[in-house]
Amino acid sequence: MEDSYIRVKSPCVRLKYRRFKRVVTPNWQRRGRVEILADILKAAIEGARGTHIMYKANLNFIQRKKYLTDALNAGLIGVRVRSPLVYVTTEKGHEWLKDYRKLLESSDAFST
């Protein structure tokens, strides 16, 4: 990477700033629905509130609401009713995660 510098001159301070170029690797991709759902199920394995799932799965509020609703309707996540709602991965969700991991392992075997 080529270094380029900017000199700032003022009566009081003389600084040297290094300018960085943003490097984007071609392997970075956006997550799909399946990866997001897997992250949500992993976050809720031991039980988690909605905000904890949001942070652990790296979602915003709108995404969290949509994906949790879809997971609840599919029976992959259950709710423990308390004063804060606690979401828990159901048995069906555990099976889904097992199948997802097997799929990842088999796709890794083909890529190498």
PDB file of N, CA and C in Angstrom:
ATOM      1  N   MET A   1       0.847  -1.168   0.000  1.00  0.00           N
ATOM      2  CA  MET A   1       0.000   0.000   0.000  1.00  0.00           C
ATOM      3  C   MET A   1       0.894   1.233   0.000  1.00  0.00           C
ATOM      4  N   GLU A   2       0.596   2.143  -0.864  1.00  0.00           N
ATOM      5  CA  GLU A   2       1.382   3.366  -0.978  1.00  0.00           C
ATOM      6  C   GLU A   2       0.999   4.329   0.134  1.00  0.00           C
ATOM      7  N   ASP A   3       1.989   4.869   0.798  1.00  0.00           N
ATOM      8  CA  ASP A   3       1.722   5.836   1.862  1.00  0.00           C
ATOM      9  C   ASP A   3       1.688   7.235   1.273  1.00  0.00           C
ATOM     10  N   SER A   4       0.687   7.968   1.645  1.00  0.00           N
ATOM     11  CA  SER A   4       0.653   9.374   1.278  1.00  0.00           C
ATOM     12  C   SER A   4       0.367  10.156   2.544  1.00  0.00           C
ATOM     13  N   TYR A   5       0.953  11.304   2.639  1.00  0.00           N
ATOM     14  CA  TYR A   5       0.852  12.082   3.862  1.00  0.00           C
ATOM     15  C   TYR A   5       0.269  13.452   3.578  1.00  0.00           C
ATOM     16  N   ILE A   6      -0.389  13.980   4.581  1.00  0.00           N
ATOM     17  CA  ILE A   6      -0.914  15.336   4.528  1.00  0.00           C
ATOM     18  C   ILE A   6      -0.218  16.113   5.637  1.00  0.00           C
ATOM     19  N   ARG A   7       0.315  17.245   5.301  1.00  0.00           N
ATOM     20  CA  ARG A   7       0.932  18.087   6.323  1.00  0.00           C
ATOM     21  C   ARG A   7      -0.038  19.199   6.676  1.00  0.00           C
ATOM     22  N   VAL A   8      -0.240  19.365   7.964  1.00  0.00           N
ATOM     23  CA  VAL A   8      -1.100  20.433   8.458  1.00  0.00           C
ATOM     24  C   VAL A   8      -0.198  21.461   9.119  1.00  0.00           C
ATOM     25  N   LYS A   9      -0.275  22.672   8.611  1.00  0.00           N
ATOM     26  CA  LYS A   9       0.557  23.730   9.181  1.00  0.00           C
ATOM     27  C   LYS A   9      -0.348  24.756   9.841  1.00  0.00           C
ATOM     28  N   SER A  10      -0.037  25.058  11.044  1.00  0.00           N
ATOM     29  CA  SER A  10      -0.731  26.127  11.757  1.00  0.00           C
ATOM     30  C   SER A  10       0.304  26.820  12.629  1.00  0.00           C
ATOM     31  N   PRO A  11      -0.021  27.976  13.154  1.00  0.00           N
ATOM     32  CA  PRO A  11       0.957  28.651  13.998  1.00  0.00           C
ATOM     33  C   PRO A  11       1.322  27.837  15.236  1.00  0.00           C
ATOM     34  N   CYS A  12       0.393  27.010  15.724  1.00  0.00           N
ATOM     35  CA  CYS A  12       0.627  26.291  16.982  1.00  0.00           C
ATOM     36  C   CYS A  12       1.110  24.864  16.779  1.00  0.00           C
ATOM     37  N   VAL A  13       0.563  24.193  15.765  1.00  0.00           N
ATOM     38  CA  VAL A  13       0.777  22.751  15.652  1.00  0.00           C
ATOM     39  C   VAL A  13       1.247  22.402  14.245  1.00  0.00           C
ATOM     40  N   ARG A  14       2.135  21.474  14.191  1.00  0.00           N
ATOM     41  CA  ARG A  14       2.546  20.921  12.911  1.00  0.00           C
ATOM     42  C   ARG A  14       2.367  19.409  13.018  1.00  0.00           C
ATOM     43  N   LEU A  15       1.409  18.863  12.302  1.00  0.00           N
ATOM     44  CA  LEU A  15       1.071  17.445  12.407  1.00  0.00           C
ATOM     45  C   LEU A  15       1.280  16.746  11.077  1.00  0.00           C
ATOM     46  N   LYS A  16       1.441  15.476  11.175  1.00  0.00           N
ATOM     47  CA  LYS A  16       1.582  14.652   9.990  1.00  0.00           C
ATOM     48  C   LYS A  16       0.529  13.551  10.085  1.00  0.00           C
ATOM     49  N   TYR A  17      -0.410  13.506   9.145  1.00  0.00           N
ATOM     50  CA  TYR A  17      -1.467  12.503   9.146  1.00  0.00           C
ATOM     51  C   TYR A  17      -1.213  11.510   8.026  1.00  0.00           C
ATOM     52  N   ARG A  18      -1.456  10.268   8.322  1.00  0.00           N
ATOM     53  CA  ARG A  18      -1.318   9.229   7.318  1.00  0.00           C
ATOM     54  C   ARG A  18      -2.692   8.953   6.727  1.00  0.00           C
ATOM     55  N   ARG A  19      -2.771   8.930   5.437  1.00  0.00           N
ATOM     56  CA  ARG A  19      -4.036   8.687   4.758  1.00  0.00           C
ATOM     57  C   ARG A  19      -4.105   7.207   4.378  1.00  0.00           C
ATOM     58  N   PHE A  20      -5.182   6.536   4.785  1.00  0.00           N
ATOM     59  CA  PHE A  20      -5.363   5.120   4.494  1.00  0.00           C
ATOM     60  C   PHE A  20      -6.375   4.950   3.378  1.00  0.00           C
ATOM     61  N   LYS A  21      -6.086   4.022   2.515  1.00  0.00           N
ATOM     62  CA  LYS A  21      -7.041   3.676   1.472  1.00  0.00           C
ATOM     63  C   LYS A  21      -7.873   2.506   1.967  1.00  0.00           C
ATOM     64  N   ARG A  22      -9.138   2.546   1.661  1.00  0.00           N
ATOM     65  CA  ARG A  22     -10.025   1.465   2.064  1.00  0.00           C
ATOM     66  C   ARG A  22      -9.808   0.286   1.123  1.00  0.00           C
ATOM     67  N   VAL A  23      -9.558  -0.854   1.703  1.00  0.00           N
ATOM     68  CA  VAL A  23      -9.323  -2.061   0.924  1.00  0.00           C
ATOM     69  C   VAL A  23     -10.530  -2.971   1.089  1.00  0.00           C
ATOM     70  N   VAL A  24     -11.129  -3.347  -0.013  1.00  0.00           N
ATOM     71  CA  VAL A  24     -12.283  -4.242   0.023  1.00  0.00           C
ATOM     72  C   VAL A  24     -11.867  -5.552  -0.610  1.00  0.00           C
ATOM     73  N   THR A  25     -12.003  -6.619   0.139  1.00  0.00           N
ATOM     74  CA  THR A  25     -11.656  -7.923  -0.411  1.00  0.00           C
ATOM     75  C   THR A  25     -12.861  -8.489  -1.145  1.00  0.00           C
ATOM     76  N   PRO A  26     -12.634  -9.211  -2.215  1.00  0.00           N
ATOM     77  CA  PRO A  26     -13.762  -9.743  -2.985  1.00  0.00           C
ATOM     78  C   PRO A  26     -14.522 -10.847  -2.268  1.00  0.00           C
ATOM     79  N   ASN A  27     -13.972 -11.412  -1.185  1.00  0.00           N
ATOM     80  CA  ASN A  27     -14.647 -12.495  -0.476  1.00  0.00           C
ATOM     81  C   ASN A  27     -15.734 -12.004   0.470  1.00  0.00           C
ATOM     82  N   TRP A  28     -15.753 -10.708   0.755  1.00  0.00           N
ATOM     83  CA  TRP A  28     -16.771 -10.189   1.661  1.00  0.00           C
ATOM     84  C   TRP A  28     -18.095 -10.135   0.935  1.00  0.00           C
ATOM     85  N   GLN A  29     -19.108 -10.686   1.557  1.00  0.00           N
ATOM     86  CA  GLN A  29     -20.437 -10.665   0.966  1.00  0.00           C
ATOM     87  C   GLN A  29     -21.442 -10.344   2.047  1.00  0.00           C
ATOM     88  N   ARG A  30     -22.619  -9.940   1.619  1.00  0.00           N
ATOM     89  CA  ARG A  30     -23.696  -9.719   2.573  1.00  0.00           C
ATOM     90  C   ARG A  30     -24.245 -11.062   3.021  1.00  0.00           C
ATOM     91  N   ARG A  31     -24.767 -11.086   4.235  1.00  0.00           N
ATOM     92  CA  ARG A  31     -25.380 -12.317   4.727  1.00  0.00           C
ATOM     93  C   ARG A  31     -26.749 -12.488   4.083  1.00  0.00           C
ATOM     94  N   GLY A  32     -27.103 -13.711   3.835  1.00  0.00           N
ATOM     95  CA  GLY A  32     -28.425 -14.008   3.318  1.00  0.00           C
ATOM     96  C   GLY A  32     -29.377 -14.329   4.457  1.00  0.00           C
ATOM     97  N   ARG A  33     -30.617 -14.638   4.106  1.00  0.00           N
ATOM     98  CA  ARG A  33     -31.638 -14.958   5.110  1.00  0.00           C
ATOM     99  C   ARG A  33     -31.240 -16.155   5.959  1.00  0.00           C
ATOM    100  N   VAL A  34     -30.639 -17.132   5.334  1.00  0.00           N
ATOM    101  CA  VAL A  34     -30.283 -18.363   6.049  1.00  0.00           C
ATOM    102  C   VAL A  34     -29.213 -18.083   7.103  1.00  0.00           C
ATOM    103  N   GLU A  35     -28.192 -17.301   6.742  1.00  0.00           N
ATOM    104  CA  GLU A  35     -27.136 -16.980   7.694  1.00  0.00           C
ATOM    105  C   GLU A  35     -27.672 -16.141   8.853  1.00  0.00           C
ATOM    106  N   ILE A  36     -28.554 -15.200   8.535  1.00  0.00           N
ATOM    107  CA  ILE A  36     -29.141 -14.364   9.586  1.00  0.00           C
ATOM    108  C   ILE A  36     -29.975 -15.215  10.531  1.00  0.00           C
ATOM    109  N   LEU A  37     -30.775 -16.111   9.972  1.00  0.00           N
ATOM    110  CA  LEU A  37     -31.597 -16.988  10.804  1.00  0.00           C
ATOM    111  C   LEU A  37     -30.723 -17.880  11.684  1.00  0.00           C
ATOM    112  N   ALA A  38     -29.627 -18.382  11.135  1.00  0.00           N
ATOM    113  CA  ALA A  38     -28.709 -19.211  11.927  1.00  0.00           C
ATOM    114  C   ALA A  38     -28.109 -18.405  13.075  1.00  0.00           C
ATOM    115  N   ASP A  39     -27.744 -17.156  12.817  1.00  0.00           N
ATOM    116  CA  ASP A  39     -27.194 -16.304  13.877  1.00  0.00           C
ATOM    117  C   ASP A  39     -28.223 -16.057  14.976  1.00  0.00           C
ATOM    118  N   ILE A  40     -29.478 -15.868  14.596  1.00  0.00           N
ATOM    119  CA  ILE A  40     -30.546 -15.651  15.580  1.00  0.00           C
ATOM    120  C   ILE A  40     -30.744 -16.900  16.431  1.00  0.00           C
ATOM    121  N   LEU A  41     -30.786 -18.060  15.788  1.00  0.00           N
ATOM    122  CA  LEU A  41     -30.990 -19.307  16.535  1.00  0.00           C
ATOM    123  C   LEU A  41     -29.822 -19.589  17.478  1.00  0.00           C
ATOM    124  N   LYS A  42     -28.608 -19.292  17.042  1.00  0.00           N
ATOM    125  CA  LYS A  42     -27.440 -19.474  17.913  1.00  0.00           C
ATOM    126  C   LYS A  42     -27.510 -18.534  19.113  1.00  0.00           C
ATOM    127  N   ALA A  43     -27.960 -17.311  18.872  1.00  0.00           N
ATOM    128  CA  ALA A  43     -28.039 -16.327  19.956  1.00  0.00           C
ATOM    129  C   ALA A  43     -29.091 -16.711  20.985  1.00  0.00           C
ATOM    130  N   ALA A  44     -30.129 -17.432  20.561  1.00  0.00           N
ATOM    131  CA  ALA A  44     -31.239 -17.760  21.455  1.00  0.00           C
ATOM    132  C   ALA A  44     -31.163 -19.173  22.024  1.00  0.00           C
ATOM    133  N   ILE A  45     -30.063 -19.859  21.870  1.00  0.00           N
ATOM    134  CA  ILE A  45     -29.971 -21.246  22.345  1.00  0.00           C
ATOM    135  C   ILE A  45     -30.231 -21.344  23.843  1.00  0.00           C
ATOM    136  N   GLU A  46     -29.611 -20.501  24.629  1.00  0.00           N
ATOM    137  CA  GLU A  46     -29.800 -20.557  26.084  1.00  0.00           C
ATOM    138  C   GLU A  46     -30.870 -19.589  26.560  1.00  0.00           C
ATOM    139  N   GLY A  47     -31.518 -18.917  25.637  1.00  0.00           N
ATOM    140  CA  GLY A  47     -32.532 -17.929  25.985  1.00  0.00           C
ATOM    141  C   GLY A  47     -31.938 -16.532  25.963  1.00  0.00           C
ATOM    142  N   ALA A  48     -32.622 -15.623  25.304  1.00  0.00           N
ATOM    143  CA  ALA A  48     -32.119 -14.251  25.220  1.00  0.00           C
ATOM    144  C   ALA A  48     -33.282 -13.306  24.964  1.00  0.00           C
ATOM    145  N   ARG A  49     -33.142 -12.090  25.470  1.00  0.00           N
ATOM    146  CA  ARG A  49     -34.137 -11.067  25.182  1.00  0.00           C
ATOM    147  C   ARG A  49     -33.918 -10.541  23.768  1.00  0.00           C
ATOM    148  N   GLY A  50     -34.898  -9.826  23.274  1.00  0.00           N
ATOM    149  CA  GLY A  50     -34.843  -9.335  21.900  1.00  0.00           C
ATOM    150  C   GLY A  50     -33.640  -8.469  21.604  1.00  0.00           C
ATOM    151  N   THR A  51     -33.300  -7.581  22.537  1.00  0.00           N
ATOM    152  CA  THR A  51     -32.146  -6.711  22.299  1.00  0.00           C
ATOM    153  C   THR A  51     -30.843  -7.502  22.282  1.00  0.00           C
ATOM    154  N   HIS A  52     -30.739  -8.528  23.100  1.00  0.00           N
ATOM    155  CA  HIS A  52     -29.531  -9.352  23.110  1.00  0.00           C
ATOM    156  C   HIS A  52     -29.396 -10.097  21.784  1.00  0.00           C
ATOM    157  N   ILE A  53     -30.511 -10.603  21.278  1.00  0.00           N
ATOM    158  CA  ILE A  53     -30.482 -11.276  19.976  1.00  0.00           C
ATOM    159  C   ILE A  53     -30.070 -10.284  18.899  1.00  0.00           C
ATOM    160  N   MET A  54     -30.603  -9.076  18.994  1.00  0.00           N
ATOM    161  CA  MET A  54     -30.293  -8.044  18.014  1.00  0.00           C
ATOM    162  C   MET A  54     -28.790  -7.769  17.982  1.00  0.00           C
ATOM    163  N   TYR A  55     -28.164  -7.651  19.148  1.00  0.00           N
ATOM    164  CA  TYR A  55     -26.733  -7.365  19.208  1.00  0.00           C
ATOM    165  C   TYR A  55     -25.892  -8.573  18.795  1.00  0.00           C
ATOM    166  N   LYS A  56     -26.254  -9.762  19.284  1.00  0.00           N
ATOM    167  CA  LYS A  56     -25.461 -10.956  18.980  1.00  0.00           C
ATOM    168  C   LYS A  56     -25.539 -11.342  17.502  1.00  0.00           C
ATOM    169  N   ALA A  57     -26.710 -11.112  16.881  1.00  0.00           N
ATOM    170  CA  ALA A  57     -26.882 -11.462  15.471  1.00  0.00           C
ATOM    171  C   ALA A  57     -26.576 -10.288  14.546  1.00  0.00           C
ATOM    172  N   ASN A  58     -26.176  -9.156  15.117  1.00  0.00           N
ATOM    173  CA  ASN A  58     -25.821  -7.961  14.352  1.00  0.00           C
ATOM    174  C   ASN A  58     -26.971  -7.507  13.442  1.00  0.00           C
ATOM    175  N   LEU A  59     -28.118  -7.238  14.051  1.00  0.00           N
ATOM    176  CA  LEU A  59     -29.311  -6.803  13.325  1.00  0.00           C
ATOM    177  C   LEU A  59     -29.757  -5.440  13.819  1.00  0.00           C
ATOM    178  N   ASN A  60     -30.514  -4.737  12.990  1.00  0.00           N
ATOM    179  CA  ASN A  60     -31.166  -3.532  13.482  1.00  0.00           C
ATOM    180  C   ASN A  60     -32.560  -3.907  13.980  1.00  0.00           C
ATOM    181  N   PHE A  61     -33.295  -2.939  14.518  1.00  0.00           N
ATOM    182  CA  PHE A  61     -34.577  -3.238  15.145  1.00  0.00           C
ATOM    183  C   PHE A  61     -35.586  -3.800  14.144  1.00  0.00           C
ATOM    184  N   ILE A  62     -35.638  -3.226  12.966  1.00  0.00           N
ATOM    185  CA  ILE A  62     -36.612  -3.671  11.957  1.00  0.00           C
ATOM    186  C   ILE A  62     -36.301  -5.094  11.516  1.00  0.00           C
ATOM    187  N   GLN A  63     -35.024  -5.395  11.278  1.00  0.00           N
ATOM    188  CA  GLN A  63     -34.640  -6.756  10.893  1.00  0.00           C
ATOM    189  C   GLN A  63     -34.957  -7.742  12.006  1.00  0.00           C
ATOM    190  N   ARG A  64     -34.649  -7.350  13.240  1.00  0.00           N
ATOM    191  CA  ARG A  64     -34.918  -8.230  14.381  1.00  0.00           C
ATOM    192  C   ARG A  64     -36.392  -8.575  14.449  1.00  0.00           C
ATOM    193  N   LYS A  65     -37.240  -7.579  14.323  1.00  0.00           N
ATOM    194  CA  LYS A  65     -38.683  -7.794  14.403  1.00  0.00           C
ATOM    195  C   LYS A  65     -39.153  -8.742  13.300  1.00  0.00           C
ATOM    196  N   LYS A  66     -38.684  -8.524  12.080  1.00  0.00           N
ATOM    197  CA  LYS A  66     -39.101  -9.344  10.940  1.00  0.00           C
ATOM    198  C   LYS A  66     -38.637 -10.792  11.094  1.00  0.00           C
ATOM    199  N   TYR A  67     -37.360 -10.979  11.395  1.00  0.00           N
ATOM    200  CA  TYR A  67     -36.812 -12.336  11.470  1.00  0.00           C
ATOM    201  C   TYR A  67     -37.324 -13.101  12.687  1.00  0.00           C
ATOM    202  N   LEU A  68     -37.512 -12.433  13.811  1.00  0.00           N
ATOM    203  CA  LEU A  68     -38.072 -13.127  14.976  1.00  0.00           C
ATOM    204  C   LEU A  68     -39.505 -13.553  14.714  1.00  0.00           C
ATOM    205  N   THR A  69     -40.278 -12.702  14.043  1.00  0.00           N
ATOM    206  CA  THR A  69     -41.653 -13.071  13.696  1.00  0.00           C
ATOM    207  C   THR A  69     -41.662 -14.284  12.780  1.00  0.00           C
ATOM    208  N   ASP A  70     -40.790 -14.280  11.769  1.00  0.00           N
ATOM    209  CA  ASP A  70     -40.705 -15.423  10.856  1.00  0.00           C
ATOM    210  C   ASP A  70     -40.281 -16.697  11.586  1.00  0.00           C
ATOM    211  N   ALA A  71     -39.304 -16.583  12.487  1.00  0.00           N
ATOM    212  CA  ALA A  71     -38.828 -17.750  13.232  1.00  0.00           C
ATOM    213  C   ALA A  71     -39.900 -18.272  14.186  1.00  0.00           C
ATOM    214  N   LEU A  72     -40.655 -17.367  14.798  1.00  0.00           N
ATOM    215  CA  LEU A  72     -41.754 -17.784  15.678  1.00  0.00           C
ATOM    216  C   LEU A  72     -42.835 -18.503  14.885  1.00  0.00           C
ATOM    217  N   ASN A  73     -43.195 -17.961  13.728  1.00  0.00           N
ATOM    218  CA  ASN A  73     -44.227 -18.586  12.893  1.00  0.00           C
ATOM    219  C   ASN A  73     -43.790 -19.947  12.372  1.00  0.00           C
ATOM    220  N   ALA A  74     -42.491 -20.119  12.136  1.00  0.00           N
ATOM    221  CA  ALA A  74     -41.973 -21.398  11.652  1.00  0.00           C
ATOM    222  C   ALA A  74     -41.756 -22.398  12.782  1.00  0.00           C
ATOM    223  N   GLY A  75     -41.854 -21.951  14.027  1.00  0.00           N
ATOM    224  CA  GLY A  75     -41.660 -22.842  15.165  1.00  0.00           C
ATOM    225  C   GLY A  75     -40.204 -23.088  15.511  1.00  0.00           C
ATOM    226  N   LEU A  76     -39.302 -22.259  15.002  1.00  0.00           N
ATOM    227  CA  LEU A  76     -37.880 -22.427  15.285  1.00  0.00           C
ATOM    228  C   LEU A  76     -37.480 -21.782  16.601  1.00  0.00           C
ATOM    229  N   ILE A  77     -38.277 -20.817  17.051  1.00  0.00           N
ATOM    230  CA  ILE A  77     -38.021 -20.106  18.305  1.00  0.00           C
ATOM    231  C   ILE A  77     -39.306 -20.102  19.114  1.00  0.00           C
ATOM    232  N   GLY A  78     -39.167 -20.252  20.414  1.00  0.00           N
ATOM    233  CA  GLY A  78     -40.296 -20.153  21.330  1.00  0.00           C
ATOM    234  C   GLY A  78     -40.105 -18.967  22.254  1.00  0.00           C
ATOM    235  N   VAL A  79     -41.151 -18.654  23.020  1.00  0.00           N
ATOM    236  CA  VAL A  79     -41.100 -17.502  23.919  1.00  0.00           C
ATOM    237  C   VAL A  79     -41.405 -17.965  25.330  1.00  0.00           C
ATOM    238  N   ARG A  80     -40.547 -17.561  26.262  1.00  0.00           N
ATOM    239  CA  ARG A  80     -40.844 -17.730  27.686  1.00  0.00           C
ATOM    240  C   ARG A  80     -41.476 -16.430  28.139  1.00  0.00           C
ATOM    241  N   VAL A  81     -42.705 -16.508  28.592  1.00  0.00           N
ATOM    242  CA  VAL A  81     -43.413 -15.286  28.969  1.00  0.00           C
ATOM    243  C   VAL A  81     -42.998 -14.886  30.378  1.00  0.00           C
ATOM    244  N   ARG A  82     -42.313 -13.784  30.461  1.00  0.00           N
ATOM    245  CA  ARG A  82     -41.913 -13.154  31.717  1.00  0.00           C
ATOM    246  C   ARG A  82     -42.118 -11.667  31.529  1.00  0.00           C
ATOM    247  N   SER A  83     -41.640 -10.874  32.476  1.00  0.00           N
ATOM    248  CA  SER A  83     -41.806  -9.434  32.279  1.00  0.00           C
ATOM    249  C   SER A  83     -41.014  -8.961  31.061  1.00  0.00           C
ATOM    250  N   PRO A  84     -39.703  -9.316  30.897  1.00  0.00           N
ATOM    251  CA  PRO A  84     -39.162  -9.153  29.546  1.00  0.00           C
ATOM    252  C   PRO A  84     -39.328 -10.487  28.824  1.00  0.00           C
ATOM    253  N   LEU A  85     -39.728 -10.444  27.571  1.00  0.00           N
ATOM    254  CA  LEU A  85     -39.878 -11.682  26.807  1.00  0.00           C
ATOM    255  C   LEU A  85     -38.508 -12.303  26.573  1.00  0.00           C
ATOM    256  N   VAL A  86     -38.423 -13.599  26.776  1.00  0.00           N
ATOM    257  CA  VAL A  86     -37.176 -14.326  26.540  1.00  0.00           C
ATOM    258  C   VAL A  86     -37.433 -15.304  25.406  1.00  0.00           C
ATOM    259  N   TYR A  87     -36.626 -15.191  24.360  1.00  0.00           N
ATOM    260  CA  TYR A  87     -36.749 -16.071  23.200  1.00  0.00           C
ATOM    261  C   TYR A  87     -35.786 -17.236  23.364  1.00  0.00           C
ATOM    262  N   VAL A  88     -36.269 -18.442  23.041  1.00  0.00           N
ATOM    263  CA  VAL A  88     -35.468 -19.661  23.196  1.00  0.00           C
ATOM    264  C   VAL A  88     -35.577 -20.483  21.919  1.00  0.00           C
ATOM    265  N   THR A  89     -34.463 -21.041  21.487  1.00  0.00           N
ATOM    266  CA  THR A  89     -34.463 -21.922  20.324  1.00  0.00           C
ATOM    267  C   THR A  89     -35.181 -23.219  20.685  1.00  0.00           C
ATOM    268  N   THR A  90     -36.153 -23.617  19.876  1.00  0.00           N
ATOM    269  CA  THR A  90     -36.930 -24.833  20.133  1.00  0.00           C
ATOM    270  C   THR A  90     -36.170 -26.061  19.628  1.00  0.00           C
ATOM    271  N   GLU A  91     -36.748 -27.224  19.867  1.00  0.00           N
ATOM    272  CA  GLU A  91     -36.148 -28.469  19.380  1.00  0.00           C
ATOM    273  C   GLU A  91     -36.065 -28.458  17.853  1.00  0.00           C
ATOM    274  N   LYS A  92     -37.110 -27.943  17.221  1.00  0.00           N
ATOM    275  CA  LYS A  92     -37.107 -27.819  15.761  1.00  0.00           C
ATOM    276  C   LYS A  92     -35.986 -26.876  15.308  1.00  0.00           C
ATOM    277  N   GLY A  93     -35.747 -25.821  16.063  1.00  0.00           N
ATOM    278  CA  GLY A  93     -34.666 -24.893  15.760  1.00  0.00           C
ATOM    279  C   GLY A  93     -33.299 -25.540  15.901  1.00  0.00           C
ATOM    280  N   HIS A  94     -33.147 -26.390  16.925  1.00  0.00           N
ATOM    281  CA  HIS A  94     -31.883 -27.123  17.104  1.00  0.00           C
ATOM    282  C   HIS A  94     -31.627 -28.058  15.919  1.00  0.00           C
ATOM    283  N   GLU A  95     -32.675 -28.738  15.469  1.00  0.00           N
ATOM    284  CA  GLU A  95     -32.542 -29.624  14.310  1.00  0.00           C
ATOM    285  C   GLU A  95     -32.162 -28.827  13.066  1.00  0.00           C
ATOM    286  N   TRP A  96     -32.781 -27.661  12.911  1.00  0.00           N
ATOM    287  CA  TRP A  96     -32.477 -26.798  11.767  1.00  0.00           C
ATOM    288  C   TRP A  96     -31.009 -26.380  11.804  1.00  0.00           C
ATOM    289  N   LEU A  97     -30.511 -26.014  12.991  1.00  0.00           N
ATOM    290  CA  LEU A  97     -29.102 -25.624  13.124  1.00  0.00           C
ATOM    291  C   LEU A  97     -28.158 -26.782  12.807  1.00  0.00           C
ATOM    292  N   LYS A  98     -28.513 -27.997  13.238  1.00  0.00           N
ATOM    293  CA  LYS A  98     -27.687 -29.171  12.911  1.00  0.00           C
ATOM    294  C   LYS A  98     -27.598 -29.358  11.402  1.00  0.00           C
ATOM    295  N   ASP A  99     -28.758 -29.277  10.733  1.00  0.00           N
ATOM    296  CA  ASP A  99     -28.781 -29.427   9.277  1.00  0.00           C
ATOM    297  C   ASP A  99     -27.988 -28.319   8.594  1.00  0.00           C
ATOM    298  N   TYR A 100     -28.082 -27.115   9.127  1.00  0.00           N
ATOM    299  CA  TYR A 100     -27.342 -25.979   8.568  1.00  0.00           C
ATOM    300  C   TYR A 100     -25.837 -26.210   8.688  1.00  0.00           C
ATOM    301  N   ARG A 101     -25.396 -26.701   9.841  1.00  0.00           N
ATOM    302  CA  ARG A 101     -23.962 -26.971  10.035  1.00  0.00           C
ATOM    303  C   ARG A 101     -23.472 -28.078   9.098  1.00  0.00           C
ATOM    304  N   LYS A 102     -24.300 -29.118   8.912  1.00  0.00           N
ATOM    305  CA  LYS A 102     -23.935 -30.194   7.981  1.00  0.00           C
ATOM    306  C   LYS A 102     -23.799 -29.654   6.561  1.00  0.00           C
ATOM    307  N   LEU A 103     -24.714 -28.777   6.187  1.00  0.00           N
ATOM    308  CA  LEU A 103     -24.664 -28.177   4.857  1.00  0.00           C
ATOM    309  C   LEU A 103     -23.394 -27.353   4.676  1.00  0.00           C
ATOM    310  N   LEU A 104     -23.027 -26.588   5.702  1.00  0.00           N
ATOM    311  CA  LEU A 104     -21.791 -25.801   5.628  1.00  0.00           C
ATOM    312  C   LEU A 104     -20.568 -26.698   5.498  1.00  0.00           C
ATOM    313  N   GLU A 105     -20.546 -27.792   6.266  1.00  0.00           N
ATOM    314  CA  GLU A 105     -19.414 -28.712   6.198  1.00  0.00           C
ATOM    315  C   GLU A 105     -19.302 -29.351   4.821  1.00  0.00           C
ATOM    316  N   SER A 106     -20.435 -29.749   4.252  1.00  0.00           N
ATOM    317  CA  SER A 106     -20.387 -30.376   2.931  1.00  0.00           C
ATOM    318  C   SER A 106     -20.012 -29.371   1.854  1.00  0.00           C
ATOM    319  N   SER A 107     -20.447 -28.119   1.989  1.00  0.00           N
ATOM    320  CA  SER A 107     -20.062 -27.119   0.987  1.00  0.00           C
ATOM    321  C   SER A 107     -18.581 -26.774   1.112  1.00  0.00           C
ATOM    322  N   ASP A 108     -18.035 -26.806   2.329  1.00  0.00           N
ATOM    323  CA  ASP A 108     -16.597 -26.583   2.512  1.00  0.00           C
ATOM    324  C   ASP A 108     -15.787 -27.718   1.890  1.00  0.00           C
ATOM    325  N   ALA A 109     -16.309 -28.933   1.956  1.00  0.00           N
ATOM    326  CA  ALA A 109     -15.607 -30.072   1.380  1.00  0.00           C
ATOM    327  C   ALA A 109     -15.518 -29.940  -0.138  1.00  0.00           C
ATOM    328  N   PHE A 110     -16.544 -29.368  -0.762  1.00  0.00           N
ATOM    329  CA  PHE A 110     -16.520 -29.198  -2.209  1.00  0.00           C
ATOM    330  C   PHE A 110     -15.634 -28.037  -2.639  1.00  0.00           C
ATOM    331  N   SER A 111     -15.492 -27.040  -1.792  1.00  0.00           N
ATOM    332  CA  SER A 111     -14.719 -25.860  -2.184  1.00  0.00           C
ATOM    333  C   SER A 111     -13.218 -26.064  -2.053  1.00  0.00           C
ATOM    334  N   THR A 112     -12.778 -27.074  -1.298  1.00  0.00           N
ATOM    335  CA  THR A 112     -11.329 -27.279  -1.148  1.00  0.00           C
ATOM    336  C   THR A 112     -10.825 -28.372  -2.043  1.00  0.00           C
TER     337      THR A 112
END
